[in-house]
């Protein structure tokens, strides 16, 4: 449970840094409007902090950390979420500065962000599989 709370804390800090950067960077550039940069804060809070707080609650009742699928989940998920957040930030910086992306660079940013989303989704599925295994073990033991 302590590990999950540590992950939640790390993601909360990343979310706050992303939020402050969004506010100050857009203000410094006189940007008004919506940008992908504004979604960094929310992604890290919801997919990072809130997810790990929920996992901490499950870890109180199940031995999640003993499951191999949970270890794989952690590895994949903790690559996917930051990758997604970073690429949202990259896209947002280009939007705020008004810099034109070449076709190739635009495709690269989209591709890397898409990879982050795929890894995040795969991680969520692995988490659900892990929870299902733990629930089955718990029912068998009872």
C-alpha atoms as a PDB file:
ATOM      1  CA  UNK A   1       0.000   0.000   0.000  1.00  0.00           C
ATOM      2  CA  UNK A   2       2.871   2.371   0.814  1.00  0.00           C
ATOM      3  CA  UNK A   3       4.319   1.948  -2.698  1.00  0.00           C
ATOM      4  CA  UNK A   4       0.981   2.915  -4.224  1.00  0.00           C
ATOM      5  CA  UNK A   5       0.794   6.023  -2.065  1.00  0.00           C
ATOM      6  CA  UNK A   6       4.344   6.950  -3.110  1.00  0.00           C
ATOM      7  CA  UNK A   7       3.344   6.611  -6.773  1.00  0.00           C
ATOM      8  CA  UNK A   8       0.246   8.734  -6.087  1.00  0.00           C
ATOM      9  CA  UNK A   9       2.423  11.418  -4.514  1.00  0.00           C
ATOM     10  CA  UNK A  10       4.822  11.431  -7.483  1.00  0.00           C
ATOM     11  CA  UNK A  11       1.963  11.786  -9.949  1.00  0.00           C
ATOM     12  CA  UNK A  12       0.382  14.544  -7.829  1.00  0.00           C
ATOM     13  CA  UNK A  13       3.642  16.511  -7.956  1.00  0.00           C
ATOM     14  CA  UNK A  14       3.890  15.940 -11.722  1.00  0.00           C
ATOM     15  CA  UNK A  15       0.283  17.149 -12.107  1.00  0.00           C
ATOM     16  CA  UNK A  16       0.948  20.292 -10.107  1.00  0.00           C
ATOM     17  CA  UNK A  17       4.122  21.049 -12.043  1.00  0.00           C
ATOM     18  CA  UNK A  18       2.173  20.549 -15.278  1.00  0.00           C
ATOM     19  CA  UNK A  19      -0.599  22.849 -14.088  1.00  0.00           C
ATOM     20  CA  UNK A  20       1.755  25.608 -12.990  1.00  0.00           C
ATOM     21  CA  UNK A  21       3.753  25.332 -16.217  1.00  0.00           C
ATOM     22  CA  UNK A  22       0.535  25.555 -18.265  1.00  0.00           C
ATOM     23  CA  UNK A  23      -0.636  28.661 -16.423  1.00  0.00           C
ATOM     24  CA  UNK A  24       2.667  30.498 -16.445  1.00  0.00           C
ATOM     25  CA  UNK A  25       3.736  29.499 -19.963  1.00  0.00           C
ATOM     26  CA  UNK A  26       0.437  30.573 -21.537  1.00  0.00           C
ATOM     27  CA  UNK A  27       0.457  33.812 -19.546  1.00  0.00           C
ATOM     28  CA  UNK A  28       4.061  34.585 -20.512  1.00  0.00           C
ATOM     29  CA  UNK A  29       3.218  34.024 -24.190  1.00  0.00           C
ATOM     30  CA  UNK A  30      -0.059  35.956 -24.041  1.00  0.00           C
ATOM     31  CA  UNK A  31      -1.929  32.869 -25.214  1.00  0.00           C
ATOM     32  CA  UNK A  32      -5.684  32.648 -24.800  1.00  0.00           C
ATOM     33  CA  UNK A  33      -7.655  29.598 -25.797  1.00  0.00           C
ATOM     34  CA  UNK A  34      -7.487  25.872 -25.402  1.00  0.00           C
ATOM     35  CA  UNK A  35      -4.332  23.874 -25.822  1.00  0.00           C
ATOM     36  CA  UNK A  36      -3.153  20.321 -25.190  1.00  0.00           C
ATOM     37  CA  UNK A  37      -0.915  21.780 -22.501  1.00  0.00           C
ATOM     38  CA  UNK A  38      -3.971  22.259 -20.302  1.00  0.00           C
ATOM     39  CA  UNK A  39      -4.667  18.530 -20.304  1.00  0.00           C
ATOM     40  CA  UNK A  40      -1.310  17.539 -18.788  1.00  0.00           C
ATOM     41  CA  UNK A  41      -2.483  18.527 -15.310  1.00  0.00           C
ATOM     42  CA  UNK A  42      -5.686  16.480 -15.534  1.00  0.00           C
ATOM     43  CA  UNK A  43      -4.036  13.420 -17.074  1.00  0.00           C
ATOM     44  CA  UNK A  44      -1.455  13.184 -14.309  1.00  0.00           C
ATOM     45  CA  UNK A  45      -4.009  13.762 -11.560  1.00  0.00           C
ATOM     46  CA  UNK A  46      -6.605  11.280 -12.811  1.00  0.00           C
ATOM     47  CA  UNK A  47      -4.502   8.601 -14.493  1.00  0.00           C
ATOM     48  CA  UNK A  48      -1.686   8.923 -12.007  1.00  0.00           C
ATOM     49  CA  UNK A  49      -2.652  10.094  -8.552  1.00  0.00           C
ATOM     50  CA  UNK A  50      -6.299   8.987  -8.437  1.00  0.00           C
ATOM     51  CA  UNK A  51      -5.535   5.618 -10.030  1.00  0.00           C
ATOM     52  CA  UNK A  52      -2.821   4.869  -7.468  1.00  0.00           C
ATOM     53  CA  UNK A  53      -5.037   6.003  -4.595  1.00  0.00           C
ATOM     54  CA  UNK A  54      -7.646   3.497  -5.774  1.00  0.00           C
ATOM     55  CA  UNK A  55      -4.941   0.836  -6.108  1.00  0.00           C
ATOM     56  CA  UNK A  56      -3.848   1.596  -2.525  1.00  0.00           C
ATOM     57  CA  UNK A  57      -7.367   0.797  -1.347  1.00  0.00           C
ATOM     58  CA  UNK A  58      -7.316  -2.522  -3.189  1.00  0.00           C
ATOM     59  CA  UNK A  59      -3.819  -3.258  -1.871  1.00  0.00           C
ATOM     60  CA  UNK A  60      -5.232  -3.021   1.634  1.00  0.00           C
ATOM     61  CA  UNK A  61      -7.390  -6.092   0.976  1.00  0.00           C
ATOM     62  CA  UNK A  62      -5.476  -7.972  -1.720  1.00  0.00           C
ATOM     63  CA  UNK A  63      -1.802  -8.859  -2.083  1.00  0.00           C
ATOM     64  CA  UNK A  64      -1.505  -7.072  -5.427  1.00  0.00           C
ATOM     65  CA  UNK A  65       2.264  -6.751  -5.271  1.00  0.00           C
ATOM     66  CA  UNK A  66       2.676 -10.529  -5.182  1.00  0.00           C
ATOM     67  CA  UNK A  67       0.949 -10.930  -8.560  1.00  0.00           C
ATOM     68  CA  UNK A  68       3.130 -11.085 -11.655  1.00  0.00           C
ATOM     69  CA  UNK A  69       0.480  -9.290 -13.728  1.00  0.00           C
ATOM     70  CA  UNK A  70       0.569  -6.391 -11.274  1.00  0.00           C
ATOM     71  CA  UNK A  71       4.318  -6.013 -11.726  1.00  0.00           C
ATOM     72  CA  UNK A  72       3.838  -5.968 -15.498  1.00  0.00           C
ATOM     73  CA  UNK A  73       0.986  -3.466 -15.065  1.00  0.00           C
ATOM     74  CA  UNK A  74       3.217  -1.133 -13.058  1.00  0.00           C
ATOM     75  CA  UNK A  75       6.005  -1.241 -15.624  1.00  0.00           C
ATOM     76  CA  UNK A  76       3.746  -0.657 -18.622  1.00  0.00           C
ATOM     77  CA  UNK A  77       1.454   1.871 -16.955  1.00  0.00           C
ATOM     78  CA  UNK A  78       4.295   3.948 -15.530  1.00  0.00           C
ATOM     79  CA  UNK A  79       5.769   4.261 -18.993  1.00  0.00           C
ATOM     80  CA  UNK A  80       2.449   4.972 -20.721  1.00  0.00           C
ATOM     81  CA  UNK A  81       1.064   7.708 -18.473  1.00  0.00           C
ATOM     82  CA  UNK A  82       4.215   9.874 -18.341  1.00  0.00           C
ATOM     83  CA  UNK A  83       4.787   9.370 -22.070  1.00  0.00           C
ATOM     84  CA  UNK A  84       1.245  10.557 -22.769  1.00  0.00           C
ATOM     85  CA  UNK A  85       1.636  13.547 -20.443  1.00  0.00           C
ATOM     86  CA  UNK A  86       4.979  14.552 -21.883  1.00  0.00           C
ATOM     87  CA  UNK A  87       3.709  14.423 -25.448  1.00  0.00           C
ATOM     88  CA  UNK A  88       0.642  16.465 -24.481  1.00  0.00           C
ATOM     89  CA  UNK A  89       3.109  18.995 -23.099  1.00  0.00           C
ATOM     90  CA  UNK A  90       5.209  18.961 -26.257  1.00  0.00           C
ATOM     91  CA  UNK A  91       2.149  19.435 -28.472  1.00  0.00           C
ATOM     92  CA  UNK A  92       0.889  22.189 -26.161  1.00  0.00           C
ATOM     93  CA  UNK A  93       4.166  24.109 -26.246  1.00  0.00           C
ATOM     94  CA  UNK A  94       4.042  24.111 -30.042  1.00  0.00           C
ATOM     95  CA  UNK A  95       0.418  25.292 -29.959  1.00  0.00           C
ATOM     96  CA  UNK A  96       1.135  28.108 -27.502  1.00  0.00           C
ATOM     97  CA  UNK A  97       4.216  29.358 -29.356  1.00  0.00           C
ATOM     98  CA  UNK A  98       2.478  29.065 -32.708  1.00  0.00           C
ATOM     99  CA  UNK A  99       5.388  27.087 -34.138  1.00  0.00           C
ATOM    100  CA  UNK A 100       4.535  25.134 -37.245  1.00  0.00           C
ATOM    101  CA  UNK A 101       5.282  21.440 -37.080  1.00  0.00           C
ATOM    102  CA  UNK A 102       6.533  19.704 -40.179  1.00  0.00           C
ATOM    103  CA  UNK A 103       4.457  16.763 -41.357  1.00  0.00           C
ATOM    104  CA  UNK A 104       7.072  14.347 -40.074  1.00  0.00           C
ATOM    105  CA  UNK A 105       7.415  15.961 -36.653  1.00  0.00           C
ATOM    106  CA  UNK A 106       3.636  16.224 -36.272  1.00  0.00           C
ATOM    107  CA  UNK A 107       3.321  12.524 -37.111  1.00  0.00           C
ATOM    108  CA  UNK A 108       6.097  11.656 -34.657  1.00  0.00           C
ATOM    109  CA  UNK A 109       4.460  13.571 -31.806  1.00  0.00           C
ATOM    110  CA  UNK A 110       1.098  11.959 -32.571  1.00  0.00           C
ATOM    111  CA  UNK A 111       2.661   8.514 -32.858  1.00  0.00           C
ATOM    112  CA  UNK A 112       4.513   8.759 -29.572  1.00  0.00           C
ATOM    113  CA  UNK A 113       1.418  10.124 -27.808  1.00  0.00           C
ATOM    114  CA  UNK A 114      -0.603   7.282 -29.310  1.00  0.00           C
ATOM    115  CA  UNK A 115       1.936   4.775 -28.044  1.00  0.00           C
ATOM    116  CA  UNK A 116       1.592   6.297 -24.560  1.00  0.00           C
ATOM    117  CA  UNK A 117      -2.189   5.921 -24.743  1.00  0.00           C
ATOM    118  CA  UNK A 118      -1.893   2.304 -25.915  1.00  0.00           C
ATOM    119  CA  UNK A 119       0.489   1.469 -23.061  1.00  0.00           C
ATOM    120  CA  UNK A 120      -1.815   3.168 -20.577  1.00  0.00           C
ATOM    121  CA  UNK A 121      -4.789   1.194 -21.895  1.00  0.00           C
ATOM    122  CA  UNK A 122      -2.849  -2.067 -21.775  1.00  0.00           C
ATOM    123  CA  UNK A 123      -1.855  -1.254 -18.209  1.00  0.00           C
ATOM    124  CA  UNK A 124      -5.469  -0.693 -17.205  1.00  0.00           C
ATOM    125  CA  UNK A 125      -6.430  -4.059 -18.674  1.00  0.00           C
ATOM    126  CA  UNK A 126      -3.573  -5.740 -16.777  1.00  0.00           C
ATOM    127  CA  UNK A 127      -4.742  -4.085 -13.568  1.00  0.00           C
ATOM    128  CA  UNK A 128      -8.263  -5.383 -14.082  1.00  0.00           C
ATOM    129  CA  UNK A 129      -6.935  -8.881 -14.783  1.00  0.00           C
ATOM    130  CA  UNK A 130      -4.872  -8.681 -11.585  1.00  0.00           C
ATOM    131  CA  UNK A 131      -7.860  -7.550  -9.529  1.00  0.00           C
ATOM    132  CA  UNK A 132      -9.951 -10.355 -10.986  1.00  0.00           C
ATOM    133  CA  UNK A 133      -7.256 -12.908 -10.037  1.00  0.00           C
ATOM    134  CA  UNK A 134      -7.013 -11.527  -6.516  1.00  0.00           C
ATOM    135  CA  UNK A 135     -10.786 -11.583  -6.087  1.00  0.00           C
ATOM    136  CA  UNK A 136     -10.921 -15.199  -7.254  1.00  0.00           C
ATOM    137  CA  UNK A 137      -8.166 -16.161  -4.795  1.00  0.00           C
ATOM    138  CA  UNK A 138      -9.985 -14.352  -2.020  1.00  0.00           C
ATOM    139  CA  UNK A 139     -13.260 -16.161  -2.767  1.00  0.00           C
ATOM    140  CA  UNK A 140     -11.475 -19.513  -2.887  1.00  0.00           C
ATOM    141  CA  UNK A 141      -9.791 -18.869   0.465  1.00  0.00           C
ATOM    142  CA  UNK A 142     -13.080 -17.863   2.116  1.00  0.00           C
END
